[in-house]
Protein backbone atom coordinates (compact mmCIF):
# COMPACT_ATOMS: atom_id res chain seq x y z
CA MET A 1 82.90 101.00 47.67
CA GLN A 2 86.36 98.96 49.43
CA GLY A 3 89.52 99.16 47.83
CA ASP A 4 91.50 96.35 46.37
CA ASP A 5 94.17 96.19 49.06
CA VAL A 6 92.36 95.80 52.01
CA PRO A 7 94.77 94.27 54.81
CA VAL A 8 93.27 90.62 55.10
CA TRP A 9 92.61 90.99 58.71
CA LEU A 10 89.82 93.51 57.95
CA PRO A 11 86.12 92.33 56.56
CA ARG A 12 84.07 94.75 54.44
CA LEU A 13 82.23 97.45 56.40
CA ALA A 14 78.91 96.48 56.82
CA ALA A 15 76.37 99.49 55.68
CA HIS A 16 74.24 99.05 58.73
CA GLY A 17 76.65 97.56 61.07
CA GLY A 18 76.94 100.91 63.81
CA PRO A 19 80.19 103.33 63.30
CA ARG A 20 82.44 102.76 60.94
CA PHE A 21 85.34 103.35 63.60
CA LEU A 22 83.78 100.94 65.78
CA GLN A 23 83.75 98.37 63.11
CA ILE A 24 87.45 98.65 62.08
CA ALA A 25 88.42 98.88 66.21
CA ASP A 26 86.11 95.58 66.54
CA ALA A 27 87.97 94.09 63.61
CA LEU A 28 91.25 95.16 64.90
CA GLN A 29 90.80 93.92 67.93
CA ALA A 30 89.52 90.24 66.41
CA ALA A 31 92.10 89.96 64.42
CA VAL A 32 94.74 90.50 67.63
CA LEU A 33 92.68 87.84 69.43
CA ASN A 34 92.88 85.20 66.71
CA GLY A 35 96.69 85.73 65.86
CA ALA A 36 95.99 87.50 62.55
CA LEU A 37 97.89 90.13 64.01
CA LYS A 38 100.73 89.80 66.20
CA PRO A 39 102.45 92.00 68.24
CA GLY A 40 104.81 94.15 66.83
CA ASP A 41 102.63 94.08 63.22
CA ARG A 42 103.07 97.57 61.36
CA LEU A 43 99.67 98.90 60.36
CA PRO A 44 99.08 100.82 57.13
CA PRO A 45 99.32 104.27 57.61
CA GLN A 46 96.14 106.39 58.74
CA ARG A 47 95.78 107.73 55.46
CA GLN A 48 96.27 104.60 53.13
CA LEU A 49 93.74 102.78 55.11
CA ALA A 50 91.41 105.59 54.52
CA GLY A 51 91.66 105.44 51.14
CA GLN A 52 91.88 101.28 50.97
CA LEU A 53 88.45 101.19 53.02
CA ASP A 54 87.03 104.45 51.17
CA VAL A 55 86.61 106.25 54.26
CA ASP A 56 87.17 109.41 55.25
CA LEU A 57 90.76 110.08 57.01
CA THR A 58 88.72 110.92 60.32
CA THR A 59 86.85 107.61 60.58
CA VAL A 60 90.10 105.63 60.60
CA THR A 61 91.86 108.24 63.20
CA ARG A 62 89.15 107.71 65.30
CA ALA A 63 89.21 103.79 65.31
CA TYR A 64 93.01 104.24 65.93
CA ASP A 65 92.37 105.99 69.37
CA GLU A 66 89.98 103.50 70.04
CA ALA A 67 92.26 100.64 69.47
CA ARG A 68 94.78 102.29 71.41
CA ARG A 69 92.39 103.31 74.50
CA ARG A 70 91.77 99.13 74.17
CA ASN A 71 95.43 98.95 74.09
CA LEU A 72 95.83 97.28 70.92
CA LEU A 73 97.59 99.82 69.35
CA GLU A 74 101.07 102.07 70.00
CA GLY A 75 102.30 104.48 68.22
CA ARG A 76 105.93 105.00 67.71
CA GLY A 77 106.10 108.47 65.84
CA ALA A 78 107.42 108.70 62.63
CA ARG A 79 108.08 105.12 62.03
CA GLY A 80 103.98 104.55 62.36
CA THR A 81 101.67 102.48 64.57
CA TYR A 82 102.10 98.63 65.34
CA VAL A 83 100.50 96.23 67.43
CA ALA A 84 100.93 96.35 71.12
CA ALA A 85 102.43 94.01 73.10
CA PRO A 86 99.51 92.53 75.46
CA LYS A 87 100.03 94.37 78.93
CA VAL A 88 100.28 92.56 81.59
CA GLU A 89 97.51 92.95 84.13
CA LEU A 90 99.11 93.96 87.33
CA THR A 91 97.02 93.62 90.21
CA SER A 92 96.22 96.46 92.31
CA ILE A 93 95.10 94.45 95.85
CA LEU A 94 97.02 95.95 99.04
CA ASP A 95 97.69 92.72 100.21
CA LEU A 96 98.14 93.15 104.08
CA SER A 97 97.94 89.34 104.26
CA MET A 98 101.79 87.93 103.60
CA ASN A 99 103.94 88.33 106.61
CA THR A 100 107.33 89.17 104.88
CA PRO A 101 110.00 91.93 106.05
CA PRO A 102 109.71 95.23 104.76
CA PRO A 103 112.34 96.41 102.39
CA PRO A 104 114.97 98.55 104.33
CA ALA A 105 115.11 102.16 103.16
CA GLY A 106 118.83 103.09 102.93
CA VAL A 107 119.73 99.55 101.93
CA ASP A 108 120.73 98.47 98.58
CA PHE A 109 119.81 95.01 98.50
CA ASP A 110 120.37 94.14 94.63
CA ASP A 111 123.98 95.32 95.41
CA MET A 112 124.13 93.59 98.70
CA LEU A 113 123.14 90.29 96.92
CA LYS A 114 125.12 90.80 93.94
CA GLN A 115 128.18 91.39 96.40
CA GLY A 116 127.61 88.38 98.76
CA LEU A 117 127.31 85.66 95.76
CA SER A 118 130.23 86.99 94.20
CA GLN A 119 131.88 86.42 97.53
CA VAL A 120 130.90 83.04 97.97
CA LEU A 121 131.46 81.79 94.31
CA MET A 122 135.26 83.78 94.82
CA ARG A 123 136.07 81.83 97.94
CA ALA A 124 133.85 78.94 98.12
CA ASP A 125 134.69 75.54 96.59
CA THR A 126 132.31 74.70 93.81
CA ASP A 127 132.14 70.99 94.23
CA LEU A 128 130.78 72.02 97.95
CA LEU A 129 127.98 74.19 96.78
CA MET A 130 127.00 71.81 94.41
CA GLY A 131 127.12 68.70 96.14
CA TYR A 132 125.10 66.81 99.28
CA HIS A 133 125.74 68.21 102.86
CA LEU A 134 123.42 65.79 104.72
CA GLY A 135 125.05 66.40 108.20
CA GLY A 136 122.68 69.54 108.59
CA GLY A 137 124.52 72.03 106.85
CA SER A 138 128.77 72.35 106.65
CA ASP A 139 131.05 73.28 109.11
CA SER A 140 130.92 77.14 108.14
CA ASP A 141 127.19 77.03 108.08
CA ARG A 142 126.90 75.70 111.40
CA LYS A 143 129.43 78.09 112.88
CA ALA A 144 127.29 81.02 111.12
CA GLY A 145 124.37 79.80 112.84
CA ALA A 146 126.12 80.05 116.28
CA ARG A 147 127.24 83.33 115.47
CA TRP A 148 123.18 84.37 114.60
CA LEU A 149 122.02 82.82 118.04
CA ALA A 150 124.71 84.42 120.03
CA PRO A 151 122.39 87.54 120.94
CA MET A 152 120.12 85.07 122.35
CA PHE A 153 122.22 82.41 123.78
CA GLY A 154 125.70 83.56 123.83
CA HIS A 155 128.66 81.41 122.66
CA LEU A 156 126.80 77.91 121.25
CA ASP A 157 128.97 74.57 120.10
CA ALA A 158 128.28 74.78 116.68
CA ARG A 159 127.62 70.87 116.02
CA GLN A 160 124.50 71.96 118.16
CA ILE A 161 123.19 73.47 115.04
CA VAL A 162 120.98 72.20 112.34
CA VAL A 163 120.81 74.28 108.97
CA CYS A 164 117.46 73.38 107.63
CA PRO A 165 115.46 74.86 104.31
CA GLY A 166 113.17 77.28 106.78
CA ALA A 167 111.52 77.28 109.62
CA GLN A 168 108.39 75.43 107.96
CA ALA A 169 110.81 72.57 107.35
CA ALA A 170 112.31 72.21 110.66
CA ILE A 171 108.66 72.24 112.33
CA ALA A 172 107.78 69.28 110.04
CA ALA A 173 110.99 67.12 110.56
CA LEU A 174 110.44 67.70 114.61
CA MET A 175 106.70 66.37 113.94
CA LEU A 176 107.87 63.55 112.39
CA ALA A 177 110.99 62.94 114.56
CA LEU A 178 109.51 63.15 117.91
CA THR A 179 105.94 62.19 117.72
CA GLU A 180 103.71 59.49 116.53
CA PRO A 181 100.62 59.64 114.35
CA GLY A 182 97.20 60.06 116.32
CA ASP A 183 99.74 61.75 119.08
CA VAL A 184 98.38 65.51 120.63
CA ILE A 185 100.42 68.90 119.93
CA LEU A 186 99.38 71.77 122.06
CA ALA A 187 99.64 74.72 121.03
CA GLU A 188 97.71 78.07 122.00
CA PRO A 189 93.96 79.16 120.15
CA SER A 190 95.54 81.15 117.74
CA THR A 191 98.93 79.83 116.05
CA TYR A 192 101.19 79.54 113.15
CA PRO A 193 98.98 78.25 110.18
CA GLY A 194 102.18 75.80 109.15
CA LEU A 195 101.82 73.89 112.18
CA LEU A 196 98.73 72.93 111.46
CA ALA A 197 99.00 71.89 107.87
CA ALA A 198 101.80 69.85 109.00
CA ALA A 199 99.84 68.21 111.88
CA ALA A 200 97.02 67.30 109.24
CA GLN A 201 99.65 66.53 106.72
CA PHE A 202 100.99 63.60 109.22
CA GLY A 203 97.99 62.65 111.28
CA ARG A 204 98.82 64.42 114.28
CA HIS A 205 95.76 66.39 116.60
CA ILE A 206 96.55 70.30 117.61
CA VAL A 207 94.68 70.85 121.26
CA ALA A 208 94.12 74.24 121.98
CA VAL A 209 95.58 75.81 126.11
CA GLU A 210 94.45 78.78 126.67
CA ALA A 211 96.01 82.14 126.71
CA ASP A 212 96.14 85.34 127.77
CA GLN A 213 97.55 88.79 127.47
CA HIS A 214 101.05 87.07 128.50
CA GLY A 215 100.60 83.88 126.51
CA MET A 216 99.87 80.62 127.12
CA VAL A 217 98.31 80.04 130.86
CA PRO A 218 100.63 77.82 133.19
CA GLY A 219 98.26 75.98 134.91
CA LEU A 220 95.83 75.02 131.68
CA PHE A 221 99.09 73.74 130.32
CA GLU A 222 99.98 71.87 132.94
CA GLU A 223 96.76 70.19 133.18
CA ALA A 224 96.43 69.86 129.20
CA CYS A 225 99.92 68.06 129.66
CA ARG A 226 98.42 65.58 132.06
CA ARG A 227 95.40 64.93 130.23
CA HIS A 228 96.61 64.40 127.10
CA LYS A 229 100.14 63.24 127.14
CA PRO A 230 101.29 65.41 124.07
CA GLY A 231 104.24 64.57 122.08
CA LEU A 232 105.10 68.04 121.78
CA VAL A 233 104.21 71.83 122.54
CA TYR A 234 104.50 74.22 119.74
CA LEU A 235 105.43 77.58 121.14
CA ASN A 236 106.09 80.87 119.03
CA PRO A 237 106.91 83.28 122.04
CA THR A 238 108.01 86.58 120.81
CA LEU A 239 105.84 88.90 118.76
CA GLN A 240 103.76 85.46 118.09
CA ASN A 241 102.15 85.18 115.15
CA PRO A 242 99.05 85.85 115.17
CA THR A 243 98.67 87.90 118.53
CA ALA A 244 101.97 89.93 118.79
CA ILE A 245 101.98 89.04 121.93
CA THR A 246 105.42 88.34 123.82
CA ILE A 247 105.25 86.16 126.64
CA PRO A 248 107.56 88.04 129.75
CA ALA A 249 110.59 86.32 130.97
CA SER A 250 108.48 85.09 134.05
CA ARG A 251 105.78 83.35 132.43
CA ARG A 252 108.45 81.76 129.85
CA LYS A 253 110.66 80.27 132.64
CA GLU A 254 106.80 78.66 134.63
CA LEU A 255 106.61 77.28 131.28
CA ALA A 256 109.52 75.59 130.81
CA GLY A 257 109.26 74.66 134.50
CA ILE A 258 106.06 72.60 133.86
CA ALA A 259 107.23 71.46 130.45
CA LYS A 260 110.53 69.66 132.63
CA ARG A 261 108.05 68.34 135.35
CA CYS A 262 105.36 66.58 132.81
CA ALA A 263 108.76 65.42 130.94
CA VAL A 264 107.14 67.37 127.51
CA ARG A 265 109.41 68.49 124.72
CA ILE A 266 108.77 72.13 123.42
CA VAL A 267 109.29 73.28 119.99
CA GLU A 268 109.99 76.86 120.16
CA ASP A 269 109.50 78.93 116.71
CA ASP A 270 111.11 81.89 117.27
CA PRO A 271 111.35 84.15 113.96
CA TYR A 272 111.14 87.37 115.59
CA TRP A 273 113.22 87.70 118.63
CA LEU A 274 115.47 89.69 116.55
CA LEU A 275 113.02 92.47 115.56
CA ALA A 276 111.68 92.77 119.09
CA ASP A 277 112.44 95.43 121.37
CA ALA A 278 114.36 94.45 124.20
CA PRO A 279 113.04 90.56 123.82
CA PRO A 280 112.82 88.16 126.80
CA PRO A 281 115.72 85.36 126.67
CA PRO A 282 114.36 82.24 125.05
CA ILE A 283 112.37 79.42 127.06
CA ALA A 284 115.46 77.53 125.71
CA THR A 285 117.55 78.95 128.47
CA PHE A 286 115.30 77.93 131.42
CA ALA A 287 114.93 74.35 130.21
CA PRO A 288 117.87 74.10 127.42
CA GLU A 289 117.35 69.72 126.90
CA GLN A 290 113.41 70.13 126.98
CA VAL A 291 113.34 72.95 124.25
CA PHE A 292 113.98 72.76 120.40
CA TYR A 293 114.87 76.12 119.51
CA ILE A 294 113.85 77.71 115.59
CA SER A 295 115.21 80.78 114.31
CA THR A 296 114.65 81.53 110.59
CA LEU A 297 116.02 84.32 108.22
CA SER A 298 113.45 84.79 106.17
CA LYS A 299 111.46 86.65 108.90
CA CYS A 300 114.76 89.02 109.46
CA LEU A 301 116.12 89.36 106.44
CA THR A 302 114.22 88.34 102.99
CA PRO A 303 111.82 85.38 102.30
CA GLY A 304 113.86 83.89 99.26
CA LEU A 305 116.29 83.19 102.19
CA ARG A 306 115.31 79.75 103.12
CA VAL A 307 117.53 78.87 105.65
CA ALA A 308 116.79 78.34 109.18
CA PHE A 309 119.23 77.48 112.51
CA VAL A 310 117.35 74.94 114.53
CA LEU A 311 119.20 74.17 118.02
CA VAL A 312 118.99 70.48 118.90
CA ARG A 313 121.38 69.95 122.15
CA ASP A 314 121.12 66.12 121.91
CA ALA A 315 123.06 63.96 119.79
CA GLY A 316 120.88 61.36 119.11
CA GLU A 317 117.53 63.68 118.81
CA ARG A 318 120.00 65.38 116.00
CA GLY A 319 120.19 62.17 114.20
CA ARG A 320 116.65 61.59 114.40
CA PHE A 321 115.72 65.30 113.47
CA LEU A 322 118.33 65.11 110.02
CA ALA A 323 116.64 61.60 109.14
CA ALA A 324 113.09 63.01 109.47
CA LEU A 325 114.26 66.56 107.63
CA ARG A 326 115.87 64.16 105.07
CA SER A 327 112.42 62.26 104.10
CA PHE A 328 111.49 65.37 102.63
CA ALA A 329 114.01 67.63 102.24
CA LEU A 330 117.23 66.73 102.36
CA MET A 331 119.07 69.77 103.05
CA ALA A 332 119.00 73.43 102.58
CA ALA A 333 120.25 74.37 99.08
CA PRO A 334 124.19 74.67 99.79
CA LEU A 335 124.38 77.96 97.57
CA THR A 336 121.35 79.50 99.76
CA ALA A 337 123.22 78.65 103.17
CA ALA A 338 126.42 79.83 102.15
CA LEU A 339 125.05 83.30 100.85
CA ALA A 340 123.22 83.57 104.11
CA THR A 341 126.70 82.41 105.66
CA GLN A 342 128.55 84.99 103.79
CA TRP A 343 126.01 87.78 104.84
CA ILE A 344 126.39 86.30 108.75
CA LEU A 345 130.26 86.95 108.88
CA ASP A 346 130.77 89.81 106.78
CA GLY A 347 128.38 91.95 108.50
CA SER A 348 125.28 92.36 106.02
CA ALA A 349 122.72 90.43 108.03
CA ASP A 350 123.05 92.74 110.90
CA GLN A 351 123.26 95.67 107.97
CA LEU A 352 119.92 94.27 106.52
CA MET A 353 118.44 93.67 109.77
CA GLN A 354 118.50 96.88 111.11
CA GLY A 355 117.33 98.14 108.31
CA VAL A 356 114.36 96.19 108.56
CA ARG A 357 113.53 97.04 112.37
CA ASN A 358 114.03 100.42 111.85
CA GLU A 359 111.44 100.25 108.78
CA ALA A 360 109.19 98.05 110.53
CA ARG A 361 108.84 100.63 113.42
CA LEU A 362 108.24 103.30 110.97
CA ARG A 363 105.20 101.51 109.43
CA HIS A 364 104.27 100.40 113.24
CA ARG A 365 103.78 104.16 113.73
CA MET A 366 102.16 104.32 110.52
CA ALA A 367 99.52 101.79 111.70
CA ARG A 368 99.35 103.46 114.88
CA ASP A 369 98.31 106.85 114.05
CA ILE A 370 96.02 105.79 111.43
CA LEU A 371 94.20 102.82 113.01
CA ALA A 372 94.12 105.06 115.83
CA GLY A 373 92.22 103.20 118.81
CA ARG A 374 91.72 100.08 116.88
CA TYR A 375 95.78 99.77 116.83
CA SER A 376 96.91 97.21 119.44
CA GLY A 377 100.30 95.98 118.02
CA ALA A 378 103.96 96.43 120.06
CA GLY A 379 105.35 98.61 117.83
CA ASP A 380 107.90 96.57 116.66
CA GLY A 381 107.87 93.21 114.60
CA LEU A 382 106.00 92.77 111.40
CA HIS A 383 102.03 92.49 111.87
CA VAL A 384 99.25 93.99 113.86
CA TRP A 385 96.35 91.59 115.32
CA LEU A 386 93.15 93.78 114.63
CA GLU A 387 90.41 93.14 117.22
CA LEU A 388 87.02 93.67 115.39
CA PRO A 389 83.95 95.71 116.54
CA ALA A 390 80.72 93.42 117.12
CA TYR A 391 79.04 94.91 114.06
CA TRP A 392 81.85 92.91 112.06
CA ASN A 393 83.08 89.39 111.77
CA SER A 394 86.42 88.58 110.46
CA PRO A 395 85.21 86.09 107.33
CA GLN A 396 82.85 89.19 106.70
CA LEU A 397 85.60 91.61 107.28
CA ALA A 398 88.12 90.25 105.02
CA ARG A 399 85.75 89.50 102.26
CA ALA A 400 84.44 93.06 102.30
CA ALA A 401 87.99 93.78 102.53
CA ASP A 402 89.00 91.99 98.97
CA SER A 403 86.23 93.77 97.57
CA GLU A 404 87.71 96.90 98.15
CA GLY A 405 91.13 95.64 96.64
CA ILE A 406 92.46 94.94 100.56
CA ALA A 407 94.07 91.23 101.51
CA VAL A 408 94.00 90.83 105.16
CA THR A 409 93.88 87.27 107.07
CA PRO A 410 90.99 86.43 109.26
CA ALA A 411 90.97 84.76 112.42
CA GLU A 412 90.19 81.55 111.22
CA VAL A 413 93.12 80.40 109.52
CA PHE A 414 95.20 80.64 112.72
CA ALA A 415 92.57 78.66 114.96
CA THR A 416 93.51 75.50 116.63
CA GLY A 417 89.61 74.68 117.21
CA SER A 418 87.04 76.94 117.54
CA VAL A 419 87.22 80.32 116.70
CA SER A 420 88.11 82.61 119.98
CA VAL A 421 88.56 86.06 118.83
CA ASN A 422 86.93 88.35 116.28
CA ALA A 423 89.79 89.75 114.87
CA ILE A 424 92.17 89.91 111.80
CA ARG A 425 95.70 89.64 111.36
CA ILE A 426 97.62 93.01 109.34
CA CYS A 427 100.94 92.33 107.77
CA LEU A 428 103.18 95.65 107.55
CA GLY A 429 105.90 94.31 105.43
CA SER A 430 104.55 93.03 102.62
CA ILE A 431 103.52 96.09 100.70
CA LYS A 432 107.35 97.48 99.63
CA ASP A 433 106.02 101.31 98.86
CA ARG A 434 104.84 103.07 102.36
CA GLY A 435 102.82 105.36 100.38
CA ARG A 436 100.38 102.17 99.14
CA LEU A 437 100.74 100.81 102.76
CA GLN A 438 99.67 103.78 103.75
CA ALA A 439 96.60 103.59 101.25
CA GLY A 440 95.64 100.47 102.24
CA LEU A 441 95.84 100.82 105.83
CA GLN A 442 93.45 104.08 105.58
CA ARG A 443 91.20 102.19 102.99
CA LEU A 444 90.99 99.47 105.98
CA SER A 445 90.37 102.37 108.33
CA HIS A 446 87.02 103.95 106.59
CA LEU A 447 85.97 100.41 105.70
CA LEU A 448 86.11 99.54 109.79
CA ALA A 449 84.10 102.75 110.31
CA ARG A 450 81.32 101.04 108.06
CA ARG A 451 78.92 98.67 108.69
CA PRO A 452 78.55 95.44 106.40
CA ASP A 453 74.98 96.59 105.83
CA SER A 454 76.38 99.78 104.04
CA PHE A 455 77.85 97.79 101.38
CA SER A 456 76.17 97.36 97.84
CA THR A 457 77.60 94.14 97.55
CA ALA A 458 76.71 91.48 99.37
CA VAL A 459 78.64 90.77 102.32
CA VAL A 460 77.30 87.79 104.01
């Protein structure tokens, strides 16, 4: 018989209900799920519960052990056994899909963040930090932008710089300011998905211009300009996302010349220039009045720093650009922009960027070693464009990788039209721990060596 003081959460044990220790463990689990037992509740001592249930001590011990195995209970030494807090299920996915800068070794980012914010709060006027900055950033922020862009352009007039809440907002605002619904925007066959998303939302049409190993083909670019009369052409010329191609200086100059002849404006989205090894001059240096140049801090420093600097030389076009930006984003958050300015001016940005650059190169070497003959990266930047063996197609490989706990991005995500290449993009910065990145790359390498029909699960 069961004792009289049985806990309310525990039903009577059934004679034919299976092993009694499992009945107790199942009752514990049900009580946790229905709220009769809550995290932190103390359970009766094992010997006491055994007496209440009229079972031997071993049965209760086995029941508690089973409940611990199910993450229901936790022991606290002499204080007894308690209902455990629910465990957060941390994903085991190895994410090679998100293009973010890797955490740099030897840089105390937490301390840098605390010091930077402390300096901002100590030196800045609180009203400025919490107010509207409708002119494209404060004077200090625009001066910091000019300093950030100095490696690309030398001295710049800070009044030509617009501070934006990230490159995506800048691209969307330029699209709104410089084109009309139904207009054509030229881009390479594989391009930044954010461009595709903005164009779809705003009713603009992306037309692909063929590219070779040096980027967009000049003759085909000029032909497309004359045929489609595009409102804009979008180029990501340095370590292009996703192909990692860097357009050489001669090709850049040629493309700039065609844009001038055809009176076409170029949006030069250049997030990786400062991470590249000896990059060519920006296209904007060859056609200053023709090109809108975007440089974001998200790829060089950290994604949470949603600040991009946009070089817009013509005052009238800056006004139209700002009006378009205000229609959906208004401004960069002043506190975030002030932190970016502080880091640029006190040298923290350079320190962090150098750490990111060094870490990215280490990771590229790791990818080259593990992926062997399949690696085709440039050795710098944040990603690798991996062409696949013929027995895989990119959606199929992405699904197979997902089943193996790896996230990659198939070529289809970047396609401006029909998919022109069978490839995936692999990002090297999104996994913080270098050892886990190594494990992910090794797992991917093994997957690439297998054929789809070797999987027990259907990969179609």
